[in-house]
């Protein structure tokens, strides 16, 4: 029978020169961490401690491997401890014991008081319990624990619900951790010295894209600047790490059943040969991978911003949309089409606002043409004094190249719409409804002619026919038409039409 040796290795990244950490951060509040772990293994069973993980590591996602030499690492056991040493934790470890308290009071000499810790009041924040059982369940457990969160100390035979002073603790035990730690029992067939790769999923990391669109005083040719904002709340500082970002809707299971998390094992770093460091992008699986050109230090609780796109001379089109129907969503929530068809008052409320929209073609010919991650888009326009003024913002979803962005930036001050129904006839026996509308649009601008796109929704039934329209119209989908109405300065125009429904 072969005799196995038991060795112990304490691994800290700070003492390992040349170790490279890399991160892939997802815009769904999690990331993939890849670290280098130097191992000096004896033949047999080795006890290894890695004391440089995040505080939100998912233990069952850990992968430890040796991709370079091919040494097989057999993990017999893994323990993750994410409750680093603190005053509250030490109080809990000394429950039932007597410790010293340092008391400092005004106009009195400092003194030492001995007290027995009856109850510490310590409530650990268990990230893995929250992940496994769901936030709602975990929060309910925390609320229940709050009732016992007040410490109870016995001093001179009497109980008090507060600390009598600053606690003084005995020497730390050998197994006390100062920061989140992984403990492994690794079996090695033979002695080996290697640099293993550690890969794991962690919460507490996120990124988002933000875009600033700047317009000149006149015209709609704009400059686009895109920023990546990275937020590290993982409990760990990453020194000189290679950073990558995944954009897309990646499926990742959660305890509460939502599907807005994602995971992936990450990808190898691309080579950066450009003389001017830039963020590079490439398709990866069904998503897009953005790689930052230079290593970067990402401190815990730090928000870092990096420019990832800059484009000048981008053509945009300003659109004015009048969608005149104003619905009471609460009243009609869950209504069937048959009920809407027979409800004479449906769709008769009017909205006077004309929307201002911006369309930007995301293509190479328009100085863009790259996949744009979802994020907030802010619009600025330069005034006559050269100052930039904020003129609206909207959100975009993940947008592929060669697609068109359409963004709402607000309501036009000097454009007005008015919509009313002028006639309604129905014959349920013969299965038809006729409905007639009159729509007015006015241009109150002092120096600019405009075109307003009047959108009408044919909501009563799927079979319809437009009769006696005052203007030509476009069918934009199965139940929507659009009138494009040019207006001179100070001009008002009236659009009328009748829609005939049959079933």
Protein backbone atom coordinates (compact mmCIF):
# COMPACT_ATOMS: atom_id res chain seq x y z
CA UNK A 1 0.00 0.00 0.00
CA UNK A 2 1.43 3.35 -1.05
CA UNK A 3 1.95 5.84 1.75
CA UNK A 4 0.60 9.37 1.02
CA UNK A 5 2.21 12.54 2.28
CA UNK A 6 0.20 15.57 3.48
CA UNK A 7 1.63 18.96 2.60
CA UNK A 8 0.30 22.51 3.26
CA UNK A 9 0.71 25.43 0.85
CA UNK A 10 -0.44 29.01 1.50
CA UNK A 11 -0.87 30.81 -1.83
CA UNK A 12 -1.00 34.60 -2.08
CA UNK A 13 -0.96 36.38 -5.42
CA UNK A 14 1.01 39.33 -4.05
CA UNK A 15 4.09 37.18 -3.72
CA UNK A 16 3.99 35.69 -7.19
CA UNK A 17 5.89 37.78 -9.72
CA UNK A 18 4.57 37.69 -13.26
CA UNK A 19 1.17 36.25 -12.37
CA UNK A 20 -1.51 37.62 -14.67
CA UNK A 21 -5.12 38.03 -13.65
CA UNK A 22 -7.77 38.40 -16.31
CA UNK A 23 -11.45 39.26 -16.00
CA UNK A 24 -14.45 38.89 -18.24
CA UNK A 25 -17.24 41.11 -16.92
CA UNK A 26 -20.85 40.71 -18.01
CA UNK A 27 -23.41 43.49 -18.04
CA UNK A 28 -25.61 41.33 -15.80
CA UNK A 29 -23.86 41.85 -12.44
CA UNK A 30 -21.36 39.02 -12.52
CA UNK A 31 -17.98 38.16 -13.99
CA UNK A 32 -15.46 35.40 -14.70
CA UNK A 33 -12.14 35.66 -12.84
CA UNK A 34 -9.02 33.86 -14.06
CA UNK A 35 -6.02 33.82 -11.69
CA UNK A 36 -2.65 32.07 -11.72
CA UNK A 37 -2.03 29.87 -8.66
CA UNK A 38 1.60 28.74 -8.09
CA UNK A 39 1.61 25.19 -6.71
CA UNK A 40 4.50 23.17 -5.30
CA UNK A 41 2.86 19.78 -4.75
CA UNK A 42 4.22 16.78 -2.95
CA UNK A 43 3.25 13.27 -3.94
CA UNK A 44 0.03 12.36 -2.18
CA UNK A 45 -2.47 14.68 -0.50
CA UNK A 46 -1.68 18.39 -0.25
CA UNK A 47 -3.54 21.01 1.74
CA UNK A 48 -3.61 24.25 -0.28
CA UNK A 49 -4.99 27.61 0.74
CA UNK A 50 -5.66 30.40 -1.78
CA UNK A 51 -6.39 33.62 0.08
CA UNK A 52 -7.10 36.07 -2.72
CA UNK A 53 -10.62 35.45 -4.02
CA UNK A 54 -13.60 37.77 -4.23
CA UNK A 55 -16.21 37.96 -1.48
CA UNK A 56 -18.94 36.89 -3.93
CA UNK A 57 -17.34 33.81 -5.46
CA UNK A 58 -19.69 30.99 -6.50
CA UNK A 59 -17.95 27.92 -5.01
CA UNK A 60 -19.55 25.39 -7.33
CA UNK A 61 -18.24 27.29 -10.37
CA UNK A 62 -14.55 26.85 -9.44
CA UNK A 63 -12.26 25.26 -12.03
CA UNK A 64 -8.61 24.53 -11.09
CA UNK A 65 -6.50 23.11 -13.92
CA UNK A 66 -3.02 23.03 -15.40
CA UNK A 67 -3.39 23.97 -19.09
CA UNK A 68 0.37 24.23 -19.73
CA UNK A 69 2.05 21.02 -18.51
CA UNK A 70 -1.02 18.81 -18.38
CA UNK A 71 -0.54 17.70 -14.78
CA UNK A 72 -3.82 16.25 -13.56
CA UNK A 73 -5.09 17.96 -10.43
CA UNK A 74 -7.47 15.83 -8.37
CA UNK A 75 -9.49 18.03 -6.02
CA UNK A 76 -10.58 15.80 -3.16
CA UNK A 77 -12.21 18.58 -1.18
CA UNK A 78 -12.87 22.32 -1.43
CA UNK A 79 -13.94 24.76 1.28
CA UNK A 80 -14.80 28.40 0.66
CA UNK A 81 -14.80 30.87 3.53
CA UNK A 82 -15.99 34.40 2.80
CA UNK A 83 -16.44 35.76 6.32
CA UNK A 84 -13.12 37.52 7.03
CA UNK A 85 -12.07 38.48 10.53
CA UNK A 86 -14.04 41.32 12.11
CA UNK A 87 -14.98 42.49 15.59
CA UNK A 88 -18.46 40.96 15.25
CA UNK A 89 -17.08 37.61 14.08
CA UNK A 90 -14.57 37.48 16.95
CA UNK A 91 -17.36 38.24 19.42
CA UNK A 92 -19.32 35.29 18.00
CA UNK A 93 -16.26 33.03 18.30
CA UNK A 94 -15.97 34.01 21.97
CA UNK A 95 -19.60 33.45 22.94
CA UNK A 96 -19.71 31.87 26.40
CA UNK A 97 -16.23 33.15 27.19
CA UNK A 98 -14.99 36.05 29.28
CA UNK A 99 -12.94 38.72 27.50
CA UNK A 100 -11.61 42.15 28.30
CA UNK A 101 -13.21 45.46 27.29
CA UNK A 102 -11.25 48.70 27.15
CA UNK A 103 -13.40 51.51 28.63
CA UNK A 104 -12.69 55.18 27.95
CA UNK A 105 -14.97 57.78 29.57
CA UNK A 106 -14.75 61.60 29.78
CA UNK A 107 -13.02 62.92 32.91
CA UNK A 108 -12.23 59.39 34.10
CA UNK A 109 -9.07 57.28 33.81
CA UNK A 110 -9.08 54.53 31.18
CA UNK A 111 -9.82 51.10 32.59
CA UNK A 112 -10.27 47.45 31.69
CA UNK A 113 -13.58 45.69 32.39
CA UNK A 114 -14.08 41.95 32.08
CA UNK A 115 -17.33 40.67 30.62
CA UNK A 116 -18.79 37.36 29.48
CA UNK A 117 -20.14 37.28 25.93
CA UNK A 118 -23.61 35.79 26.31
CA UNK A 119 -24.67 36.70 22.78
CA UNK A 120 -22.52 38.39 20.15
CA UNK A 121 -25.32 39.83 17.99
CA UNK A 122 -23.28 38.94 14.90
CA UNK A 123 -25.32 38.24 11.73
CA UNK A 124 -23.09 36.96 8.90
CA UNK A 125 -23.90 38.05 5.35
CA UNK A 126 -23.97 34.73 3.55
CA UNK A 127 -23.68 35.42 -0.18
CA UNK A 128 -23.97 31.73 -1.08
CA UNK A 129 -27.20 31.31 0.89
CA UNK A 130 -28.64 34.31 -0.94
CA UNK A 131 -27.56 32.86 -4.29
CA UNK A 132 -28.87 29.37 -3.58
CA UNK A 133 -32.17 30.16 -1.89
CA UNK A 134 -32.99 33.49 -3.49
CA UNK A 135 -32.85 37.06 -2.30
CA UNK A 136 -36.42 37.15 -0.97
CA UNK A 137 -35.94 34.05 1.20
CA UNK A 138 -32.54 35.22 2.39
CA UNK A 139 -33.83 38.68 3.30
CA UNK A 140 -36.63 37.08 5.35
CA UNK A 141 -34.03 35.08 7.26
CA UNK A 142 -32.02 38.25 7.86
CA UNK A 143 -35.12 40.00 9.23
CA UNK A 144 -35.68 37.11 11.62
CA UNK A 145 -32.03 37.33 12.69
CA UNK A 146 -32.33 41.05 13.43
CA UNK A 147 -34.20 40.21 16.63
CA UNK A 148 -31.03 38.65 18.00
CA UNK A 149 -28.61 41.18 16.51
CA UNK A 150 -28.06 43.07 19.75
CA UNK A 151 -25.12 41.84 21.84
CA UNK A 152 -25.66 40.66 25.42
CA UNK A 153 -22.71 40.98 27.82
CA UNK A 154 -22.58 39.87 31.46
CA UNK A 155 -20.59 42.28 33.63
CA UNK A 156 -20.27 41.69 37.38
CA UNK A 157 -23.23 39.33 37.36
CA UNK A 158 -25.56 41.67 35.45
CA UNK A 159 -26.64 41.57 31.79
CA UNK A 160 -26.41 44.57 29.48
CA UNK A 161 -27.55 44.91 25.88
CA UNK A 162 -24.49 46.76 24.65
CA UNK A 163 -20.73 46.45 24.70
CA UNK A 164 -19.22 47.97 27.86
CA UNK A 165 -16.23 49.16 25.83
CA UNK A 166 -13.87 48.26 23.02
CA UNK A 167 -13.41 44.47 23.04
CA UNK A 168 -9.91 43.00 23.43
CA UNK A 169 -9.61 39.51 21.96
CA UNK A 170 -7.18 36.64 22.53
CA UNK A 171 -4.64 35.69 19.87
CA UNK A 172 -6.13 34.59 16.54
CA UNK A 173 -6.46 30.90 15.86
CA UNK A 174 -4.42 29.40 13.04
CA UNK A 175 -7.50 28.85 10.87
CA UNK A 176 -8.77 32.44 11.17
CA UNK A 177 -9.00 34.13 7.75
CA UNK A 178 -8.29 37.78 7.01
CA UNK A 179 -9.97 37.75 3.60
CA UNK A 180 -12.09 35.36 1.48
CA UNK A 181 -10.26 32.08 1.10
CA UNK A 182 -10.42 28.78 -0.79
CA UNK A 183 -9.07 25.68 0.98
CA UNK A 184 -8.34 22.64 -1.16
CA UNK A 185 -7.21 19.07 -0.56
CA UNK A 186 -5.37 18.17 -3.78
CA UNK A 187 -4.07 14.70 -4.60
CA UNK A 188 -0.97 14.50 -6.80
CA UNK A 189 0.34 11.24 -8.31
CA UNK A 190 3.83 12.67 -8.22
CA UNK A 191 5.61 15.76 -6.95
CA UNK A 192 5.13 18.72 -9.29
CA UNK A 193 5.82 22.43 -9.39
CA UNK A 194 3.46 24.30 -11.67
CA UNK A 195 1.35 27.39 -12.26
CA UNK A 196 -2.28 26.34 -12.23
CA UNK A 197 -5.16 28.34 -13.66
CA UNK A 198 -8.02 29.15 -11.32
CA UNK A 199 -11.31 30.16 -12.95
CA UNK A 200 -14.56 31.00 -11.18
CA UNK A 201 -17.77 33.01 -11.43
CA UNK A 202 -18.31 35.90 -9.06
CA UNK A 203 -21.06 38.38 -8.32
CA UNK A 204 -20.49 42.00 -7.46
CA UNK A 205 -19.11 43.00 -10.86
CA UNK A 206 -20.93 44.79 -13.65
CA UNK A 207 -20.46 47.15 -16.55
CA UNK A 208 -22.65 49.32 -18.70
CA UNK A 209 -22.27 51.43 -21.79
CA UNK A 210 -23.10 55.12 -22.00
CA UNK A 211 -23.15 57.25 -25.15
CA UNK A 212 -22.89 61.00 -25.59
CA UNK A 213 -24.19 62.41 -28.89
CA UNK A 214 -23.14 66.00 -29.63
CA UNK A 215 -24.86 68.11 -32.33
CA UNK A 216 -23.76 71.46 -33.73
CA UNK A 217 -25.98 74.53 -33.43
CA UNK A 218 -27.54 73.80 -36.84
CA UNK A 219 -27.82 70.49 -38.64
CA UNK A 220 -28.03 66.87 -37.61
CA UNK A 221 -24.51 65.58 -38.27
CA UNK A 222 -23.33 64.47 -34.84
CA UNK A 223 -20.31 63.20 -32.93
CA UNK A 224 -20.72 59.99 -30.90
CA UNK A 225 -18.59 59.16 -27.86
CA UNK A 226 -19.14 55.84 -26.08
CA UNK A 227 -17.99 55.06 -22.55
CA UNK A 228 -17.75 51.79 -20.67
CA UNK A 229 -18.39 52.14 -16.92
CA UNK A 230 -17.08 49.20 -14.86
CA UNK A 231 -18.24 48.77 -11.26
CA UNK A 232 -16.30 46.49 -8.95
CA UNK A 233 -18.13 45.60 -5.72
CA UNK A 234 -16.62 42.11 -5.51
CA UNK A 235 -14.53 42.64 -2.36
CA UNK A 236 -11.22 42.21 -4.22
CA UNK A 237 -8.76 44.53 -5.95
CA UNK A 238 -7.42 43.28 -9.30
CA UNK A 239 -3.89 44.53 -9.95
CA UNK A 240 -2.83 45.03 -13.60
CA UNK A 241 -5.58 42.74 -14.86
CA UNK A 242 -6.54 42.06 -18.44
CA UNK A 243 -10.15 43.15 -18.84
CA UNK A 244 -12.76 41.85 -21.25
CA UNK A 245 -16.46 42.64 -21.45
CA UNK A 246 -19.28 40.46 -22.76
CA UNK A 247 -22.32 42.15 -24.30
CA UNK A 248 -25.48 40.17 -24.83
CA UNK A 249 -28.29 38.44 -22.99
CA UNK A 250 -26.56 35.38 -21.55
CA UNK A 251 -28.78 32.84 -19.77
CA UNK A 252 -27.79 32.17 -16.18
CA UNK A 253 -30.04 30.42 -13.69
CA UNK A 254 -31.04 32.15 -10.47
CA UNK A 255 -32.72 30.88 -7.36
CA UNK A 256 -35.71 33.15 -7.94
CA UNK A 257 -36.17 31.92 -11.49
CA UNK A 258 -35.30 35.12 -13.34
CA UNK A 259 -33.22 34.82 -16.49
CA UNK A 260 -31.24 38.05 -16.64
CA UNK A 261 -27.96 36.51 -15.49
CA UNK A 262 -25.40 34.89 -17.73
CA UNK A 263 -22.28 32.79 -17.67
CA UNK A 264 -19.50 31.75 -19.92
CA UNK A 265 -16.09 30.29 -19.39
CA UNK A 266 -14.45 33.36 -20.97
CA UNK A 267 -12.10 33.59 -23.94
CA UNK A 268 -8.40 34.05 -24.62
CA UNK A 269 -7.07 37.57 -24.84
CA UNK A 270 -6.54 39.02 -28.31
CA UNK A 271 -3.22 40.53 -29.37
CA UNK A 272 -3.03 44.29 -29.37
CA UNK A 273 -0.76 45.62 -32.08
CA UNK A 274 -2.31 49.02 -32.71
CA UNK A 275 0.07 51.84 -31.90
CA UNK A 276 -2.80 53.76 -30.33
CA UNK A 277 -4.43 51.47 -27.74
CA UNK A 278 -8.12 50.99 -28.50
CA UNK A 279 -10.89 48.75 -27.30
CA UNK A 280 -11.26 45.87 -29.78
CA UNK A 281 -14.41 43.91 -30.50
CA UNK A 282 -15.14 40.51 -31.98
CA UNK A 283 -18.07 38.11 -32.21
CA UNK A 284 -17.90 35.40 -29.54
CA UNK A 285 -20.39 32.54 -29.48
CA UNK A 286 -23.77 34.32 -29.81
CA UNK A 287 -22.52 37.48 -28.10
CA UNK A 288 -19.86 40.14 -28.53
CA UNK A 289 -16.56 40.32 -26.68
CA UNK A 290 -14.84 43.66 -26.06
CA UNK A 291 -11.19 43.59 -25.00
CA UNK A 292 -9.45 46.51 -23.32
CA UNK A 293 -6.03 47.10 -24.87
CA UNK A 294 -3.90 47.57 -21.75
CA UNK A 295 -3.81 45.94 -18.31
CA UNK A 296 -5.69 47.96 -15.74
CA UNK A 297 -5.93 47.98 -11.95
CA UNK A 298 -9.51 47.66 -10.74
CA UNK A 299 -9.83 48.52 -7.06
CA UNK A 300 -12.56 47.15 -4.86
CA UNK A 301 -15.54 49.54 -4.67
CA UNK A 302 -14.16 51.45 -7.63
CA UNK A 303 -16.03 52.73 -10.67
CA UNK A 304 -13.81 52.94 -13.75
CA UNK A 305 -14.68 54.55 -17.08
CA UNK A 306 -13.00 53.78 -20.39
CA UNK A 307 -13.75 55.26 -23.80
CA UNK A 308 -14.55 52.53 -26.31
CA UNK A 309 -15.98 54.33 -29.32
CA UNK A 310 -15.49 57.77 -30.87
CA UNK A 311 -17.02 58.72 -34.21
CA UNK A 312 -17.28 62.12 -35.89
CA UNK A 313 -19.53 63.22 -38.74
CA UNK A 314 -22.25 60.67 -38.03
CA UNK A 315 -25.43 61.41 -39.94
CA UNK A 316 -28.64 61.40 -37.93
CA UNK A 317 -32.21 62.10 -38.93
CA UNK A 318 -34.62 64.01 -36.72
CA UNK A 319 -38.21 62.74 -36.88
CA UNK A 320 -41.41 64.23 -35.53
CA UNK A 321 -44.03 61.60 -34.63
CA UNK A 322 -47.64 62.32 -33.69
CA UNK A 323 -49.24 59.23 -32.13
CA UNK A 324 -52.52 60.78 -31.07
CA UNK A 325 -54.15 57.96 -29.12
CA UNK A 326 -53.97 58.26 -25.32
CA UNK A 327 -55.00 55.07 -23.54
CA UNK A 328 -55.98 54.37 -19.96
CA UNK A 329 -53.82 51.29 -19.59
CA UNK A 330 -55.32 50.27 -16.23
CA UNK A 331 -58.84 50.32 -17.62
CA UNK A 332 -58.07 48.16 -20.64
CA UNK A 333 -55.40 45.86 -19.18
CA UNK A 334 -56.14 42.29 -20.24
CA UNK A 335 -59.05 43.21 -22.55
CA UNK A 336 -59.86 40.83 -25.40
CA UNK A 337 -60.11 42.14 -28.98
CA UNK A 338 -63.81 41.27 -29.04
CA UNK A 339 -64.37 43.61 -26.07
CA UNK A 340 -62.35 46.39 -27.68
CA UNK A 341 -64.25 45.98 -30.93
CA UNK A 342 -67.56 46.61 -29.18
CA UNK A 343 -66.40 49.35 -26.78
CA UNK A 344 -67.47 52.59 -28.47
CA UNK A 345 -65.32 54.81 -26.19
CA UNK A 346 -62.08 52.92 -26.79
CA UNK A 347 -59.33 55.07 -28.35
CA UNK A 348 -61.17 58.41 -28.17
CA UNK A 349 -58.83 60.20 -25.75
CA UNK A 350 -56.34 62.51 -27.44
CA UNK A 351 -52.65 63.10 -26.80
CA UNK A 352 -51.50 66.59 -27.97
CA UNK A 353 -47.76 65.92 -27.80
CA UNK A 354 -45.54 65.46 -30.85
CA UNK A 355 -42.53 63.24 -30.13
CA UNK A 356 -39.01 64.14 -31.20
CA UNK A 357 -37.10 61.07 -32.40
CA UNK A 358 -33.55 60.54 -33.68
CA UNK A 359 -32.57 57.87 -36.17
CA UNK A 360 -28.93 56.85 -36.58
CA UNK A 361 -27.79 54.15 -38.98
CA UNK A 362 -25.15 51.95 -37.33
CA UNK A 363 -23.07 51.23 -40.43
CA UNK A 364 -19.50 51.74 -41.67
CA UNK A 365 -20.63 54.28 -44.26
CA UNK A 366 -21.94 56.38 -41.35
CA UNK A 367 -18.63 56.13 -39.40
CA UNK A 368 -20.04 53.55 -36.97
CA UNK A 369 -20.71 49.94 -37.96
CA UNK A 370 -19.83 48.10 -34.75
CA UNK A 371 -22.03 46.16 -32.32
CA UNK A 372 -23.25 48.64 -29.72
CA UNK A 373 -23.93 47.29 -26.20
CA UNK A 374 -27.14 48.37 -24.53
CA UNK A 375 -26.94 51.57 -22.54
CA UNK A 376 -28.07 55.14 -22.06
CA UNK A 377 -27.70 57.67 -24.88
CA UNK A 378 -27.51 61.37 -23.94
CA UNK A 379 -27.98 64.11 -26.52
CA UNK A 380 -26.32 67.53 -26.41
CA UNK A 381 -26.62 70.47 -28.81
CA UNK A 382 -24.33 73.46 -29.08
CA UNK A 383 -26.07 76.81 -28.61
CA UNK A 384 -25.26 80.12 -30.35
CA UNK A 385 -22.63 80.90 -27.67
CA UNK A 386 -20.85 77.59 -28.23
CA UNK A 387 -22.09 76.01 -25.01
CA UNK A 388 -23.37 72.46 -24.94
CA UNK A 389 -26.95 72.06 -23.74
CA UNK A 390 -28.57 68.77 -22.74
CA UNK A 391 -31.55 68.01 -25.01
CA UNK A 392 -32.71 64.52 -24.03
CA UNK A 393 -31.76 60.91 -23.40
CA UNK A 394 -33.01 57.42 -24.10
CA UNK A 395 -31.94 53.79 -23.75
CA UNK A 396 -30.81 51.48 -26.54
CA UNK A 397 -30.80 47.69 -26.45
CA UNK A 398 -27.90 45.63 -27.82
CA UNK A 399 -27.74 46.81 -31.42
CA UNK A 400 -26.02 44.86 -34.19
CA UNK A 401 -24.06 46.55 -36.96
CA UNK A 402 -26.10 47.82 -39.94
CA UNK A 403 -29.20 48.19 -37.76
CA UNK A 404 -30.92 51.56 -37.16
CA UNK A 405 -31.17 53.25 -33.78
CA UNK A 406 -34.42 55.12 -33.13
CA UNK A 407 -34.36 57.17 -29.94
CA UNK A 408 -36.94 59.34 -28.20
CA UNK A 409 -35.49 62.63 -26.92
CA UNK A 410 -38.61 64.49 -25.74
CA UNK A 411 -41.69 66.35 -26.97
CA UNK A 412 -41.58 69.22 -29.46
CA UNK A 413 -42.51 72.57 -27.88
CA UNK A 414 -43.74 74.27 -31.08
CA UNK A 415 -45.49 71.33 -32.76
CA UNK A 416 -49.03 70.44 -31.73
CA UNK A 417 -51.37 67.56 -32.53
CA UNK A 418 -55.09 67.19 -32.03
CA UNK A 419 -57.16 64.08 -32.66
CA UNK A 420 -60.89 63.41 -32.38
CA UNK A 421 -63.40 60.88 -33.60
CA UNK A 422 -66.16 62.38 -35.75
CA UNK A 423 -68.32 59.34 -36.49
CA UNK A 424 -68.94 55.80 -35.23
CA UNK A 425 -71.32 53.22 -36.71
CA UNK A 426 -71.64 49.54 -35.90
CA UNK A 427 -73.80 46.66 -37.07
CA UNK A 428 -73.17 43.54 -35.01
CA UNK A 429 -75.72 41.54 -36.98
CA UNK A 430 -73.80 42.11 -40.20
CA UNK A 431 -70.42 42.13 -38.43
CA UNK A 432 -68.97 45.53 -39.23
CA UNK A 433 -67.88 48.81 -37.59
CA UNK A 434 -67.11 52.15 -39.26
CA UNK A 435 -65.07 54.75 -37.42
CA UNK A 436 -64.08 58.21 -38.73
CA UNK A 437 -61.29 60.44 -37.33
CA UNK A 438 -60.12 64.00 -37.81
CA UNK A 439 -56.49 64.82 -36.94
CA UNK A 440 -54.97 68.31 -36.90
CA UNK A 441 -51.24 69.04 -36.80
CA UNK A 442 -49.78 72.54 -36.44
CA UNK A 443 -46.30 73.97 -36.92
CA UNK A 444 -45.74 76.95 -34.60
CA UNK A 445 -42.02 77.22 -35.29
CA UNK A 446 -40.92 80.67 -36.42
CA UNK A 447 -38.26 79.72 -38.95
CA UNK A 448 -38.42 76.03 -39.86
CA UNK A 449 -40.64 73.86 -42.02
CA UNK A 450 -41.12 70.33 -40.75
CA UNK A 451 -42.64 66.96 -41.60
CA UNK A 452 -44.82 65.25 -39.00
CA UNK A 453 -45.45 61.53 -39.24
CA UNK A 454 -49.01 60.88 -38.03
CA UNK A 455 -49.33 57.31 -36.71
CA UNK A 456 -52.75 55.67 -36.43
CA UNK A 457 -53.43 52.29 -34.77
CA UNK A 458 -56.25 50.18 -36.18
CA UNK A 459 -56.97 48.42 -32.92
CA UNK A 460 -60.57 47.18 -33.24
CA UNK A 461 -60.00 44.17 -35.48
CA UNK A 462 -57.53 42.50 -37.81
CA UNK A 463 -59.68 42.89 -40.96
CA UNK A 464 -59.89 46.54 -41.94
CA UNK A 465 -60.11 48.86 -44.94
CA UNK A 466 -59.28 52.59 -45.12
CA UNK A 467 -61.98 54.63 -46.87
CA UNK A 468 -61.99 58.27 -48.00
CA UNK A 469 -58.53 59.25 -46.73
CA UNK A 470 -57.66 62.92 -47.15
CA UNK A 471 -53.96 62.10 -47.61
CA UNK A 472 -51.93 59.18 -48.84
CA UNK A 473 -50.76 56.77 -46.17
CA UNK A 474 -48.33 53.91 -45.60
CA UNK A 475 -49.16 50.57 -44.01
CA UNK A 476 -46.32 50.04 -41.52
CA UNK A 477 -47.60 46.78 -40.00
CA UNK A 478 -50.76 44.65 -39.83
CA UNK A 479 -52.62 47.21 -37.70
CA UNK A 480 -50.80 50.51 -38.15
CA UNK A 481 -50.82 53.20 -40.84
CA UNK A 482 -48.80 56.39 -41.15
CA UNK A 483 -49.45 59.75 -42.83
CA UNK A 484 -46.43 61.93 -43.63
CA UNK A 485 -47.52 65.55 -43.48
CA UNK A 486 -45.22 68.42 -44.54
CA UNK A 487 -45.91 71.72 -42.76
CA UNK A 488 -44.66 75.17 -43.58
CA UNK A 489 -43.95 77.75 -40.89
CA UNK A 490 -47.22 78.56 -39.09
CA UNK A 491 -49.22 76.04 -41.14
CA UNK A 492 -52.00 73.73 -39.92
CA UNK A 493 -53.25 70.67 -41.83
CA UNK A 494 -56.22 68.39 -41.25
CA UNK A 495 -56.15 64.64 -41.95
CA UNK A 496 -59.39 62.66 -42.13
CA UNK A 497 -60.12 59.01 -42.84
CA UNK A 498 -62.66 56.28 -42.16
CA UNK A 499 -61.71 52.76 -41.22
CA UNK A 500 -64.15 49.94 -41.99
CA UNK A 501 -63.78 46.80 -39.80
CA UNK A 502 -65.43 43.48 -40.68
CA UNK A 503 -65.49 40.03 -39.08
